[in-house]
Amino acid sequence: MSPNVYQDFNYIEIPVWVKYKVLDGKIDFNVFGGFNTNLLVNNKVYVEQGTDRILLGTTDNLSPVHYTSTVGLGIEYQLIYNIRFNLEPTFKYSLTPINQNEMIRNYPYAFGIMTGMRFKF
């Protein structure tokens, strides 16, 4: 069994989004989009072989701050008068590279689904 190397990056995301309601009723449809500021809070590299995991260090040349854009669709379903269930598929794309290396630029992207409950007082 050969060893595997894992890079672990964690960011705090600060979003600034705009949401527009397309349909309003028992089921609402929204479109939304905006920009995010991402702050690097964890950067670690591990090697694993079997059950052993060893910390090697960090990845060099990562940007401490990078910016992404977000677009998505939202569906909200009214369960009862003041409680709604929401489901929001999203797409995020990096506007600035996550690395500072001039030779290789990495612009990651992600697809995701956010879900939850909204209570209106």
PDB file of N, CA and C in Angstrom:
ATOM      1  N   MET A   1       0.851  -1.185   0.000  1.00  0.00           N
ATOM      2  CA  MET A   1       0.000   0.000   0.000  1.00  0.00           C
ATOM      3  C   MET A   1       0.894   1.245   0.000  1.00  0.00           C
ATOM      4  N   SER A   2       0.683   2.127  -0.959  1.00  0.00           N
ATOM      5  CA  SER A   2       1.502   3.334  -1.052  1.00  0.00           C
ATOM      6  C   SER A   2       0.886   4.461  -0.222  1.00  0.00           C
ATOM      7  N   PRO A   3       1.725   5.375   0.248  1.00  0.00           N
ATOM      8  CA  PRO A   3       1.210   6.482   1.070  1.00  0.00           C
ATOM      9  C   PRO A   3       0.433   7.492   0.220  1.00  0.00           C
ATOM     10  N   ASN A   4      -0.494   8.197   0.852  1.00  0.00           N
ATOM     11  CA  ASN A   4      -1.284   9.255   0.220  1.00  0.00           C
ATOM     12  C   ASN A   4      -0.980  10.583   0.894  1.00  0.00           C
ATOM     13  N   VAL A   5      -0.893  11.646   0.098  1.00  0.00           N
ATOM     14  CA  VAL A   5      -0.652  12.982   0.623  1.00  0.00           C
ATOM     15  C   VAL A   5      -1.947  13.777   0.517  1.00  0.00           C
ATOM     16  N   TYR A   6      -2.331  14.451   1.603  1.00  0.00           N
ATOM     17  CA  TYR A   6      -3.555  15.254   1.661  1.00  0.00           C
ATOM     18  C   TYR A   6      -3.219  16.691   2.033  1.00  0.00           C
ATOM     19  N   GLN A   7      -3.817  17.628   1.304  1.00  0.00           N
ATOM     20  CA  GLN A   7      -3.708  19.042   1.636  1.00  0.00           C
ATOM     21  C   GLN A   7      -5.040  19.464   2.246  1.00  0.00           C
ATOM     22  N   ASP A   8      -4.995  20.140   3.369  1.00  0.00           N
ATOM     23  CA  ASP A   8      -6.198  20.564   4.083  1.00  0.00           C
ATOM     24  C   ASP A   8      -6.188  22.087   4.195  1.00  0.00           C
ATOM     25  N   PHE A   9      -7.062  22.761   3.427  1.00  0.00           N
ATOM     26  CA  PHE A   9      -7.204  24.213   3.468  1.00  0.00           C
ATOM     27  C   PHE A   9      -8.580  24.534   4.028  1.00  0.00           C
ATOM     28  N   ASN A  10      -8.650  25.449   4.977  1.00  0.00           N
ATOM     29  CA  ASN A  10      -9.929  25.902   5.519  1.00  0.00           C
ATOM     30  C   ASN A  10     -10.008  27.415   5.398  1.00  0.00           C
ATOM     31  N   TYR A  11     -11.177  27.890   4.996  1.00  0.00           N
ATOM     32  CA  TYR A  11     -11.412  29.317   4.809  1.00  0.00           C
ATOM     33  C   TYR A  11     -12.634  29.759   5.584  1.00  0.00           C
ATOM     34  N   ILE A  12     -12.633  30.997   6.025  1.00  0.00           N
ATOM     35  CA  ILE A  12     -13.835  31.656   6.516  1.00  0.00           C
ATOM     36  C   ILE A  12     -14.349  32.492   5.354  1.00  0.00           C
ATOM     37  N   GLU A  13     -15.614  32.295   5.008  1.00  0.00           N
ATOM     38  CA  GLU A  13     -16.203  32.993   3.868  1.00  0.00           C
ATOM     39  C   GLU A  13     -17.112  34.113   4.360  1.00  0.00           C
ATOM     40  N   ILE A  14     -16.907  35.307   3.805  1.00  0.00           N
ATOM     41  CA  ILE A  14     -17.749  36.461   4.127  1.00  0.00           C
ATOM     42  C   ILE A  14     -18.531  36.820   2.861  1.00  0.00           C
ATOM     43  N   PRO A  15     -19.826  36.457   2.795  1.00  0.00           N
ATOM     44  CA  PRO A  15     -20.597  36.683   1.570  1.00  0.00           C
ATOM     45  C   PRO A  15     -21.283  38.047   1.543  1.00  0.00           C
ATOM     46  N   VAL A  16     -21.423  38.595   0.340  1.00  0.00           N
ATOM     47  CA  VAL A  16     -22.255  39.774   0.068  1.00  0.00           C
ATOM     48  C   VAL A  16     -23.082  39.400  -1.159  1.00  0.00           C
ATOM     49  N   TRP A  17     -24.341  39.051  -0.921  1.00  0.00           N
ATOM     50  CA  TRP A  17     -25.205  38.529  -1.973  1.00  0.00           C
ATOM     51  C   TRP A  17     -26.458  39.387  -2.108  1.00  0.00           C
ATOM     52  N   VAL A  18     -27.060  39.287  -3.284  1.00  0.00           N
ATOM     53  CA  VAL A  18     -28.359  39.895  -3.555  1.00  0.00           C
ATOM     54  C   VAL A  18     -29.296  38.767  -3.984  1.00  0.00           C
ATOM     55  N   LYS A  19     -30.512  38.778  -3.429  1.00  0.00           N
ATOM     56  CA  LYS A  19     -31.504  37.753  -3.770  1.00  0.00           C
ATOM     57  C   LYS A  19     -32.733  38.439  -4.357  1.00  0.00           C
ATOM     58  N   TYR A  20     -33.248  37.864  -5.448  1.00  0.00           N
ATOM     59  CA  TYR A  20     -34.435  38.405  -6.112  1.00  0.00           C
ATOM     60  C   TYR A  20     -35.495  37.319  -6.193  1.00  0.00           C
ATOM     61  N   LYS A  21     -36.688  37.617  -5.692  1.00  0.00           N
ATOM     62  CA  LYS A  21     -37.785  36.661  -5.703  1.00  0.00           C
ATOM     63  C   LYS A  21     -38.478  36.711  -7.061  1.00  0.00           C
ATOM     64  N   VAL A  22     -38.470  35.587  -7.785  1.00  0.00           N
ATOM     65  CA  VAL A  22     -39.076  35.493  -9.110  1.00  0.00           C
ATOM     66  C   VAL A  22     -40.560  35.165  -9.004  1.00  0.00           C
ATOM     67  N   LEU A  23     -40.901  34.182  -8.172  1.00  0.00           N
ATOM     68  CA  LEU A  23     -42.296  33.798  -7.932  1.00  0.00           C
ATOM     69  C   LEU A  23     -42.569  33.833  -6.438  1.00  0.00           C
ATOM     70  N   ASP A  24     -43.734  34.336  -6.068  1.00  0.00           N
ATOM     71  CA  ASP A  24     -44.109  34.471  -4.664  1.00  0.00           C
ATOM     72  C   ASP A  24     -45.413  33.730  -4.437  1.00  0.00           C
ATOM     73  N   GLY A  25     -45.416  32.768  -3.543  1.00  0.00           N
ATOM     74  CA  GLY A  25     -46.617  31.998  -3.243  1.00  0.00           C
ATOM     75  C   GLY A  25     -46.306  30.978  -2.171  1.00  0.00           C
ATOM     76  N   LYS A  26     -47.036  29.857  -2.179  1.00  0.00           N
ATOM     77  CA  LYS A  26     -46.736  28.786  -1.228  1.00  0.00           C
ATOM     78  C   LYS A  26     -45.340  28.225  -1.507  1.00  0.00           C
ATOM     79  N   ILE A  27     -44.970  28.177  -2.796  1.00  0.00           N
ATOM     80  CA  ILE A  27     -43.607  27.839  -3.197  1.00  0.00           C
ATOM     81  C   ILE A  27     -43.004  29.067  -3.860  1.00  0.00           C
ATOM     82  N   ASP A  28     -41.899  29.571  -3.313  1.00  0.00           N
ATOM     83  CA  ASP A  28     -41.203  30.740  -3.867  1.00  0.00           C
ATOM     84  C   ASP A  28     -39.991  30.284  -4.658  1.00  0.00           C
ATOM     85  N   PHE A  29     -39.698  31.004  -5.734  1.00  0.00           N
ATOM     86  CA  PHE A  29     -38.475  30.775  -6.512  1.00  0.00           C
ATOM     87  C   PHE A  29     -37.654  32.050  -6.494  1.00  0.00           C
ATOM     88  N   ASN A  30     -36.372  31.913  -6.167  1.00  0.00           N
ATOM     89  CA  ASN A  30     -35.459  33.044  -6.075  1.00  0.00           C
ATOM     90  C   ASN A  30     -34.238  32.791  -6.946  1.00  0.00           C
ATOM     91  N   VAL A  31     -33.619  33.857  -7.389  1.00  0.00           N
ATOM     92  CA  VAL A  31     -32.283  33.801  -7.971  1.00  0.00           C
ATOM     93  C   VAL A  31     -31.404  34.690  -7.096  1.00  0.00           C
ATOM     94  N   PHE A  32     -30.155  34.308  -6.940  1.00  0.00           N
ATOM     95  CA  PHE A  32     -29.269  35.112  -6.114  1.00  0.00           C
ATOM     96  C   PHE A  32     -27.850  35.039  -6.656  1.00  0.00           C
ATOM     97  N   GLY A  33     -27.076  35.998  -6.244  1.00  0.00           N
ATOM     98  CA  GLY A  33     -25.687  36.040  -6.656  1.00  0.00           C
ATOM     99  C   GLY A  33     -24.947  37.088  -5.869  1.00  0.00           C
ATOM    100  N   GLY A  34     -23.643  37.037  -5.971  1.00  0.00           N
ATOM    101  CA  GLY A  34     -22.835  38.014  -5.266  1.00  0.00           C
ATOM    102  C   GLY A  34     -21.388  37.603  -5.202  1.00  0.00           C
ATOM    103  N   PHE A  35     -20.706  38.221  -4.271  1.00  0.00           N
ATOM    104  CA  PHE A  35     -19.272  38.019  -4.113  1.00  0.00           C
ATOM    105  C   PHE A  35     -18.963  37.591  -2.692  1.00  0.00           C
ATOM    106  N   ASN A  36     -17.837  36.887  -2.533  1.00  0.00           N
ATOM    107  CA  ASN A  36     -17.406  36.397  -1.227  1.00  0.00           C
ATOM    108  C   ASN A  36     -15.934  36.746  -1.024  1.00  0.00           C
ATOM    109  N   THR A  37     -15.602  37.122   0.190  1.00  0.00           N
ATOM    110  CA  THR A  37     -14.210  37.259   0.596  1.00  0.00           C
ATOM    111  C   THR A  37     -13.874  36.024   1.419  1.00  0.00           C
ATOM    112  N   ASN A  38     -12.787  35.348   1.071  1.00  0.00           N
ATOM    113  CA  ASN A  38     -12.387  34.106   1.741  1.00  0.00           C
ATOM    114  C   ASN A  38     -11.065  34.321   2.456  1.00  0.00           C
ATOM    115  N   LEU A  39     -11.063  34.055   3.764  1.00  0.00           N
ATOM    116  CA  LEU A  39      -9.873  34.237   4.596  1.00  0.00           C
ATOM    117  C   LEU A  39      -9.311  32.871   4.983  1.00  0.00           C
ATOM    118  N   LEU A  40      -8.051  32.620   4.646  1.00  0.00           N
ATOM    119  CA  LEU A  40      -7.401  31.345   4.957  1.00  0.00           C
ATOM    120  C   LEU A  40      -7.164  31.246   6.466  1.00  0.00           C
ATOM    121  N   VAL A  41      -7.688  30.193   7.099  1.00  0.00           N
ATOM    122  CA  VAL A  41      -7.514  30.000   8.542  1.00  0.00           C
ATOM    123  C   VAL A  41      -6.787  28.700   8.883  1.00  0.00           C
ATOM    124  N   ASN A  42      -6.627  27.790   7.903  1.00  0.00           N
ATOM    125  CA  ASN A  42      -5.924  26.534   8.158  1.00  0.00           C
ATOM    126  C   ASN A  42      -5.240  26.082   6.875  1.00  0.00           C
ATOM    127  N   ASN A  43      -3.995  25.675   6.976  1.00  0.00           N
ATOM    128  CA  ASN A  43      -3.214  25.203   5.843  1.00  0.00           C
ATOM    129  C   ASN A  43      -2.288  24.112   6.358  1.00  0.00           C
ATOM    130  N   LYS A  44      -2.636  22.844   6.113  1.00  0.00           N
ATOM    131  CA  LYS A  44      -1.830  21.726   6.597  1.00  0.00           C
ATOM    132  C   LYS A  44      -1.703  20.667   5.507  1.00  0.00           C
ATOM    133  N   VAL A  45      -0.578  19.975   5.519  1.00  0.00           N
ATOM    134  CA  VAL A  45      -0.331  18.874   4.591  1.00  0.00           C
ATOM    135  C   VAL A  45      -0.008  17.631   5.415  1.00  0.00           C
ATOM    136  N   TYR A  46      -0.709  16.527   5.097  1.00  0.00           N
ATOM    137  CA  TYR A  46      -0.538  15.260   5.805  1.00  0.00           C
ATOM    138  C   TYR A  46      -0.129  14.169   4.824  1.00  0.00           C
ATOM    139  N   VAL A  47       0.561  13.165   5.353  1.00  0.00           N
ATOM    140  CA  VAL A  47       0.786  11.925   4.607  1.00  0.00           C
ATOM    141  C   VAL A  47       0.135  10.807   5.422  1.00  0.00           C
ATOM    142  N   GLU A  48      -0.601   9.936   4.715  1.00  0.00           N
ATOM    143  CA  GLU A  48      -1.277   8.812   5.366  1.00  0.00           C
ATOM    144  C   GLU A  48      -0.841   7.513   4.722  1.00  0.00           C
ATOM    145  N   GLN A  49      -0.591   6.539   5.584  1.00  0.00           N
ATOM    146  CA  GLN A  49      -0.348   5.181   5.114  1.00  0.00           C
ATOM    147  C   GLN A  49      -0.959   4.242   6.132  1.00  0.00           C
ATOM    148  N   GLY A  50      -1.955   3.510   5.683  1.00  0.00           N
ATOM    149  CA  GLY A  50      -2.686   2.638   6.603  1.00  0.00           C
ATOM    150  C   GLY A  50      -3.430   3.489   7.617  1.00  0.00           C
ATOM    151  N   THR A  51      -3.160   3.258   8.897  1.00  0.00           N
ATOM    152  CA  THR A  51      -3.805   4.038   9.959  1.00  0.00           C
ATOM    153  C   THR A  51      -2.918   5.161  10.477  1.00  0.00           C
ATOM    154  N   ASP A  52      -1.719   5.291   9.939  1.00  0.00           N
ATOM    155  CA  ASP A  52      -0.786   6.337  10.375  1.00  0.00           C
ATOM    156  C   ASP A  52      -1.025   7.623   9.591  1.00  0.00           C
ATOM    157  N   ARG A  53      -1.009   8.739  10.302  1.00  0.00           N
ATOM    158  CA  ARG A  53      -1.167  10.066   9.693  1.00  0.00           C
ATOM    159  C   ARG A  53      -0.104  10.990  10.280  1.00  0.00           C
ATOM    160  N   ILE A  54       0.723  11.548   9.401  1.00  0.00           N
ATOM    161  CA  ILE A  54       1.839  12.380   9.839  1.00  0.00           C
ATOM    162  C   ILE A  54       1.702  13.762   9.217  1.00  0.00           C
ATOM    163  N   LEU A  55       1.831  14.794  10.051  1.00  0.00           N
ATOM    164  CA  LEU A  55       1.794  16.176   9.579  1.00  0.00           C
ATOM    165  C   LEU A  55       3.136  16.513   8.941  1.00  0.00           C
ATOM    166  N   LEU A  56       3.097  16.925   7.662  1.00  0.00           N
ATOM    167  CA  LEU A  56       4.324  17.298   6.949  1.00  0.00           C
ATOM    168  C   LEU A  56       4.632  18.779   7.059  1.00  0.00           C
ATOM    169  N   GLY A  57       3.589  19.606   7.168  1.00  0.00           N
ATOM    170  CA  GLY A  57       3.789  21.051   7.215  1.00  0.00           C
ATOM    171  C   GLY A  57       2.645  21.767   6.526  1.00  0.00           C
ATOM    172  N   THR A  58       3.001  22.777   5.726  1.00  0.00           N
ATOM    173  CA  THR A  58       1.987  23.580   5.040  1.00  0.00           C
ATOM    174  C   THR A  58       2.304  23.670   3.548  1.00  0.00           C
ATOM    175  N   THR A  59       1.339  24.130   2.786  1.00  0.00           N
ATOM    176  CA  THR A  59       1.526  24.383   1.359  1.00  0.00           C
ATOM    177  C   THR A  59       2.013  25.815   1.188  1.00  0.00           C
ATOM    178  N   ASP A  60       3.092  25.986   0.447  1.00  0.00           N
ATOM    179  CA  ASP A  60       3.668  27.313   0.216  1.00  0.00           C
ATOM    180  C   ASP A  60       2.861  28.093  -0.816  1.00  0.00           C
ATOM    181  N   ASN A  61       2.980  29.401  -0.760  1.00  0.00           N
ATOM    182  CA  ASN A  61       2.441  30.332  -1.752  1.00  0.00           C
ATOM    183  C   ASN A  61       0.913  30.387  -1.832  1.00  0.00           C
ATOM    184  N   LEU A  62       0.211  30.020  -0.769  1.00  0.00           N
ATOM    185  CA  LEU A  62      -1.241  30.191  -0.764  1.00  0.00           C
ATOM    186  C   LEU A  62      -1.576  31.635  -0.421  1.00  0.00           C
ATOM    187  N   SER A  63      -2.542  32.195  -1.119  1.00  0.00           N
ATOM    188  CA  SER A  63      -2.986  33.560  -0.829  1.00  0.00           C
ATOM    189  C   SER A  63      -3.763  33.563   0.483  1.00  0.00           C
ATOM    190  N   PRO A  64      -3.486  34.476   1.389  1.00  0.00           N
ATOM    191  CA  PRO A  64      -4.229  34.518   2.652  1.00  0.00           C
ATOM    192  C   PRO A  64      -5.666  35.004   2.458  1.00  0.00           C
ATOM    193  N   VAL A  65      -5.926  35.717   1.351  1.00  0.00           N
ATOM    194  CA  VAL A  65      -7.273  36.208   1.030  1.00  0.00           C
ATOM    195  C   VAL A  65      -7.500  35.991  -0.456  1.00  0.00           C
ATOM    196  N   HIS A  66      -8.671  35.453  -0.812  1.00  0.00           N
ATOM    197  CA  HIS A  66      -9.047  35.417  -2.221  1.00  0.00           C
ATOM    198  C   HIS A  66     -10.547  35.645  -2.338  1.00  0.00           C
ATOM    199  N   TYR A  67     -10.982  35.968  -3.550  1.00  0.00           N
ATOM    200  CA  TYR A  67     -12.369  36.381  -3.789  1.00  0.00           C
ATOM    201  C   TYR A  67     -13.047  35.420  -4.758  1.00  0.00           C
ATOM    202  N   THR A  68     -14.319  35.132  -4.474  1.00  0.00           N
ATOM    203  CA  THR A  68     -15.107  34.254  -5.332  1.00  0.00           C
ATOM    204  C   THR A  68     -16.437  34.914  -5.669  1.00  0.00           C
ATOM    205  N   SER A  69     -17.062  34.401  -6.722  1.00  0.00           N
ATOM    206  CA  SER A  69     -18.417  34.825  -7.068  1.00  0.00           C
ATOM    207  C   SER A  69     -19.352  33.649  -6.818  1.00  0.00           C
ATOM    208  N   THR A  70     -20.609  33.950  -6.566  1.00  0.00           N
ATOM    209  CA  THR A  70     -21.619  32.918  -6.306  1.00  0.00           C
ATOM    210  C   THR A  70     -22.875  33.238  -7.090  1.00  0.00           C
ATOM    211  N   VAL A  71     -23.462  32.221  -7.718  1.00  0.00           N
ATOM    212  CA  VAL A  71     -24.785  32.334  -8.328  1.00  0.00           C
ATOM    213  C   VAL A  71     -25.586  31.109  -7.901  1.00  0.00           C
ATOM    214  N   GLY A  72     -26.892  31.279  -7.812  1.00  0.00           N
ATOM    215  CA  GLY A  72     -27.706  30.151  -7.405  1.00  0.00           C
ATOM    216  C   GLY A  72     -29.187  30.386  -7.614  1.00  0.00           C
ATOM    217  N   LEU A  73     -29.929  29.318  -7.417  1.00  0.00           N
ATOM    218  CA  LEU A  73     -31.387  29.331  -7.467  1.00  0.00           C
ATOM    219  C   LEU A  73     -31.901  28.910  -6.108  1.00  0.00           C
ATOM    220  N   GLY A  74     -33.000  29.502  -5.691  1.00  0.00           N
ATOM    221  CA  GLY A  74     -33.570  29.153  -4.397  1.00  0.00           C
ATOM    222  C   GLY A  74     -35.021  28.741  -4.532  1.00  0.00           C
ATOM    223  N   ILE A  75     -35.374  27.717  -3.802  1.00  0.00           N
ATOM    224  CA  ILE A  75     -36.762  27.265  -3.731  1.00  0.00           C
ATOM    225  C   ILE A  75     -37.141  27.263  -2.260  1.00  0.00           C
ATOM    226  N   GLU A  76     -38.231  27.961  -1.929  1.00  0.00           N
ATOM    227  CA  GLU A  76     -38.730  27.981  -0.552  1.00  0.00           C
ATOM    228  C   GLU A  76     -40.145  27.438  -0.545  1.00  0.00           C
ATOM    229  N   TYR A  77     -40.411  26.543   0.384  1.00  0.00           N
ATOM    230  CA  TYR A  77     -41.735  25.938   0.521  1.00  0.00           C
ATOM    231  C   TYR A  77     -42.294  26.310   1.881  1.00  0.00           C
ATOM    232  N   GLN A  78     -43.485  26.874   1.881  1.00  0.00           N
ATOM    233  CA  GLN A  78     -44.129  27.268   3.140  1.00  0.00           C
ATOM    234  C   GLN A  78     -44.736  26.049   3.803  1.00  0.00           C
ATOM    235  N   LEU A  79     -44.182  25.666   4.964  1.00  0.00           N
ATOM    236  CA  LEU A  79     -44.708  24.526   5.723  1.00  0.00           C
ATOM    237  C   LEU A  79     -45.940  24.930   6.517  1.00  0.00           C
ATOM    238  N   ILE A  80     -45.805  25.987   7.322  1.00  0.00           N
ATOM    239  CA  ILE A  80     -46.939  26.595   8.012  1.00  0.00           C
ATOM    240  C   ILE A  80     -46.762  28.097   7.897  1.00  0.00           C
ATOM    241  N   TYR A  81     -47.621  28.870   8.499  1.00  0.00           N
ATOM    242  CA  TYR A  81     -47.663  30.322   8.286  1.00  0.00           C
ATOM    243  C   TYR A  81     -46.303  31.005   8.345  1.00  0.00           C
ATOM    244  N   ASN A  82     -45.504  30.754   9.375  1.00  0.00           N
ATOM    245  CA  ASN A  82     -44.252  31.492   9.543  1.00  0.00           C
ATOM    246  C   ASN A  82     -42.990  30.620   9.429  1.00  0.00           C
ATOM    247  N   ILE A  83     -43.133  29.395   8.946  1.00  0.00           N
ATOM    248  CA  ILE A  83     -41.981  28.500   8.802  1.00  0.00           C
ATOM    249  C   ILE A  83     -41.879  28.052   7.342  1.00  0.00           C
ATOM    250  N   ARG A  84     -40.674  28.225   6.789  1.00  0.00           N
ATOM    251  CA  ARG A  84     -40.419  27.841   5.401  1.00  0.00           C
ATOM    252  C   ARG A  84     -39.185  26.938   5.336  1.00  0.00           C
ATOM    253  N   PHE A  85     -39.240  25.981   4.428  1.00  0.00           N
ATOM    254  CA  PHE A  85     -38.104  25.113   4.123  1.00  0.00           C
ATOM    255  C   PHE A  85     -37.463  25.647   2.846  1.00  0.00           C
ATOM    256  N   ASN A  86     -36.119  25.740   2.812  1.00  0.00           N
ATOM    257  CA  ASN A  86     -35.481  26.218   1.590  1.00  0.00           C
ATOM    258  C   ASN A  86     -34.426  25.249   1.087  1.00  0.00           C
ATOM    259  N   LEU A  87     -34.245  25.278  -0.241  1.00  0.00           N
ATOM    260  CA  LEU A  87     -33.269  24.452  -0.936  1.00  0.00           C
ATOM    261  C   LEU A  87     -32.619  25.337  -1.989  1.00  0.00           C
ATOM    262  N   GLU A  88     -31.281  25.460  -1.955  1.00  0.00           N
ATOM    263  CA  GLU A  88     -30.591  26.404  -2.833  1.00  0.00           C
ATOM    264  C   GLU A  88     -29.354  25.770  -3.466  1.00  0.00           C
ATOM    265  N   PRO A  89     -29.467  25.274  -4.704  1.00  0.00           N
ATOM    266  CA  PRO A  89     -28.264  24.839  -5.416  1.00  0.00           C
ATOM    267  C   PRO A  89     -27.438  26.059  -5.825  1.00  0.00           C
ATOM    268  N   THR A  90     -26.107  25.973  -5.649  1.00  0.00           N
ATOM    269  CA  THR A  90     -25.239  27.119  -5.912  1.00  0.00           C
ATOM    270  C   THR A  90     -24.005  26.698  -6.714  1.00  0.00           C
ATOM    271  N   PHE A  91     -23.408  27.689  -7.364  1.00  0.00           N
ATOM    272  CA  PHE A  91     -22.146  27.521  -8.070  1.00  0.00           C
ATOM    273  C   PHE A  91     -21.233  28.651  -7.642  1.00  0.00           C
ATOM    274  N   LYS A  92     -20.012  28.308  -7.231  1.00  0.00           N
ATOM    275  CA  LYS A  92     -19.022  29.303  -6.817  1.00  0.00           C
ATOM    276  C   LYS A  92     -17.784  29.161  -7.692  1.00  0.00           C
ATOM    277  N   TYR A  93     -17.247  30.318  -8.108  1.00  0.00           N
ATOM    278  CA  TYR A  93     -16.048  30.332  -8.943  1.00  0.00           C
ATOM    279  C   TYR A  93     -15.084  31.372  -8.396  1.00  0.00           C
ATOM    280  N   SER A  94     -13.822  30.991  -8.303  1.00  0.00           N
ATOM    281  CA  SER A  94     -12.807  31.895  -7.765  1.00  0.00           C
ATOM    282  C   SER A  94     -12.463  32.972  -8.779  1.00  0.00           C
ATOM    283  N   LEU A  95     -12.536  34.225  -8.367  1.00  0.00           N
ATOM    284  CA  LEU A  95     -12.183  35.362  -9.217  1.00  0.00           C
ATOM    285  C   LEU A  95     -10.694  35.668  -9.161  1.00  0.00           C
ATOM    286  N   THR A  96     -10.069  35.322  -8.062  1.00  0.00           N
ATOM    287  CA  THR A  96      -8.626  35.488  -7.904  1.00  0.00           C
ATOM    288  C   THR A  96      -8.028  34.117  -7.598  1.00  0.00           C
ATOM    289  N   PRO A  97      -6.779  33.876  -7.988  1.00  0.00           N
ATOM    290  CA  PRO A  97      -6.181  32.562  -7.734  1.00  0.00           C
ATOM    291  C   PRO A  97      -5.944  32.331  -6.242  1.00  0.00           C
ATOM    292  N   ILE A  98      -6.005  31.056  -5.826  1.00  0.00           N
ATOM    293  CA  ILE A  98      -5.756  30.754  -4.415  1.00  0.00           C
ATOM    294  C   ILE A  98      -4.269  30.674  -4.113  1.00  0.00           C
ATOM    295  N   ASN A  99      -3.439  30.637  -5.169  1.00  0.00           N
ATOM    296  CA  ASN A  99      -2.003  30.577  -4.941  1.00  0.00           C
ATOM    297  C   ASN A  99      -1.345  31.851  -5.455  1.00  0.00           C
ATOM    298  N   GLN A 100      -0.127  32.104  -4.993  1.00  0.00           N
ATOM    299  CA  GLN A 100       0.611  33.298  -5.368  1.00  0.00           C
ATOM    300  C   GLN A 100       1.710  32.997  -6.379  1.00  0.00           C
ATOM    301  N   ASN A 101       1.755  31.782  -6.909  1.00  0.00           N
ATOM    302  CA  ASN A 101       2.759  31.381  -7.879  1.00  0.00           C
ATOM    303  C   ASN A 101       2.390  31.950  -9.250  1.00  0.00           C
ATOM    304  N   GLU A 102       3.300  32.697  -9.874  1.00  0.00           N
ATOM    305  CA  GLU A 102       3.041  33.307 -11.178  1.00  0.00           C
ATOM    306  C   GLU A 102       2.987  32.270 -12.297  1.00  0.00           C
ATOM    307  N   MET A 103       3.681  31.154 -12.151  1.00  0.00           N
ATOM    308  CA  MET A 103       3.750  30.134 -13.201  1.00  0.00           C
ATOM    309  C   MET A 103       2.465  29.308 -13.292  1.00  0.00           C
ATOM    310  N   ILE A 104       1.881  29.014 -12.160  1.00  0.00           N
ATOM    311  CA  ILE A 104       0.678  28.174 -12.121  1.00  0.00           C
ATOM    312  C   ILE A 104      -0.394  28.918 -11.349  1.00  0.00           C
ATOM    313  N   ARG A 105      -1.490  29.224 -12.003  1.00  0.00           N
ATOM    314  CA  ARG A 105      -2.624  29.891 -11.358  1.00  0.00           C
ATOM    315  C   ARG A 105      -3.741  28.875 -11.168  1.00  0.00           C
ATOM    316  N   ASN A 106      -4.295  28.806  -9.964  1.00  0.00           N
ATOM    317  CA  ASN A 106      -5.365  27.864  -9.672  1.00  0.00           C
ATOM    318  C   ASN A 106      -6.616  28.637  -9.281  1.00  0.00           C
ATOM    319  N   TYR A 107      -7.681  28.491 -10.073  1.00  0.00           N
ATOM    320  CA  TYR A 107      -8.972  29.137  -9.833  1.00  0.00           C
ATOM    321  C   TYR A 107     -10.005  28.045  -9.542  1.00  0.00           C
ATOM    322  N   PRO A 108     -10.155  27.640  -8.287  1.00  0.00           N
ATOM    323  CA  PRO A 108     -11.091  26.549  -7.984  1.00  0.00           C
ATOM    324  C   PRO A 108     -12.553  26.983  -8.136  1.00  0.00           C
ATOM    325  N   TYR A 109     -13.415  25.991  -8.317  1.00  0.00           N
ATOM    326  CA  TYR A 109     -14.854  26.210  -8.372  1.00  0.00           C
ATOM    327  C   TYR A 109     -15.532  25.108  -7.568  1.00  0.00           C
ATOM    328  N   ALA A 110     -16.779  25.361  -7.216  1.00  0.00           N
ATOM    329  CA  ALA A 110     -17.513  24.381  -6.410  1.00  0.00           C
ATOM    330  C   ALA A 110     -19.003  24.457  -6.716  1.00  0.00           C
ATOM    331  N   PHE A 111     -19.630  23.309  -6.693  1.00  0.00           N
ATOM    332  CA  PHE A 111     -21.080  23.205  -6.738  1.00  0.00           C
ATOM    333  C   PHE A 111     -21.528  22.795  -5.341  1.00  0.00           C
ATOM    334  N   GLY A 112     -22.653  23.328  -4.904  1.00  0.00           N
ATOM    335  CA  GLY A 112     -23.139  22.971  -3.579  1.00  0.00           C
ATOM    336  C   GLY A 112     -24.638  23.114  -3.482  1.00  0.00           C
ATOM    337  N   ILE A 113     -25.191  22.558  -2.430  1.00  0.00           N
ATOM    338  CA  ILE A 113     -26.621  22.685  -2.141  1.00  0.00           C
ATOM    339  C   ILE A 113     -26.751  23.113  -0.690  1.00  0.00           C
ATOM    340  N   MET A 114     -27.369  24.273  -0.492  1.00  0.00           N
ATOM    341  CA  MET A 114     -27.639  24.744   0.857  1.00  0.00           C
ATOM    342  C   MET A 114     -29.105  24.452   1.148  1.00  0.00           C
ATOM    343  N   THR A 115     -29.389  24.083   2.370  1.00  0.00           N
ATOM    344  CA  THR A 115     -30.759  23.800   2.767  1.00  0.00           C
ATOM    345  C   THR A 115     -30.954  24.239   4.210  1.00  0.00           C
ATOM    346  N   GLY A 116     -32.199  24.470   4.556  1.00  0.00           N
ATOM    347  CA  GLY A 116     -32.464  24.874   5.931  1.00  0.00           C
ATOM    348  C   GLY A 116     -33.910  25.283   6.132  1.00  0.00           C
ATOM    349  N   MET A 117     -34.167  25.818   7.310  1.00  0.00           N
ATOM    350  CA  MET A 117     -35.499  26.285   7.693  1.00  0.00           C
ATOM    351  C   MET A 117     -35.412  27.781   7.990  1.00  0.00           C
ATOM    352  N   ARG A 118     -36.454  28.490   7.628  1.00  0.00           N
ATOM    353  CA  ARG A 118     -36.508  29.924   7.920  1.00  0.00           C
ATOM    354  C   ARG A 118     -37.742  30.187   8.766  1.00  0.00           C
ATOM    355  N   PHE A 119     -37.542  30.893   9.863  1.00  0.00           N
ATOM    356  CA  PHE A 119     -38.617  31.270  10.768  1.00  0.00           C
ATOM    357  C   PHE A 119     -38.826  32.763  10.652  1.00  0.00           C
ATOM    358  N   LYS A 120     -40.044  33.183  10.440  1.00  0.00           N
ATOM    359  CA  LYS A 120     -40.359  34.602  10.317  1.00  0.00           C
ATOM    360  C   LYS A 120     -41.154  35.016  11.554  1.00  0.00           C
ATOM    361  N   PHE A 121     -40.681  36.049  12.248  1.00  0.00           N
ATOM    362  CA  PHE A 121     -41.355  36.517  13.469  1.00  0.00           C
ATOM    363  C   PHE A 121     -42.263  37.661  13.183  1.00  0.00           C
TER     364      PHE A 121
END
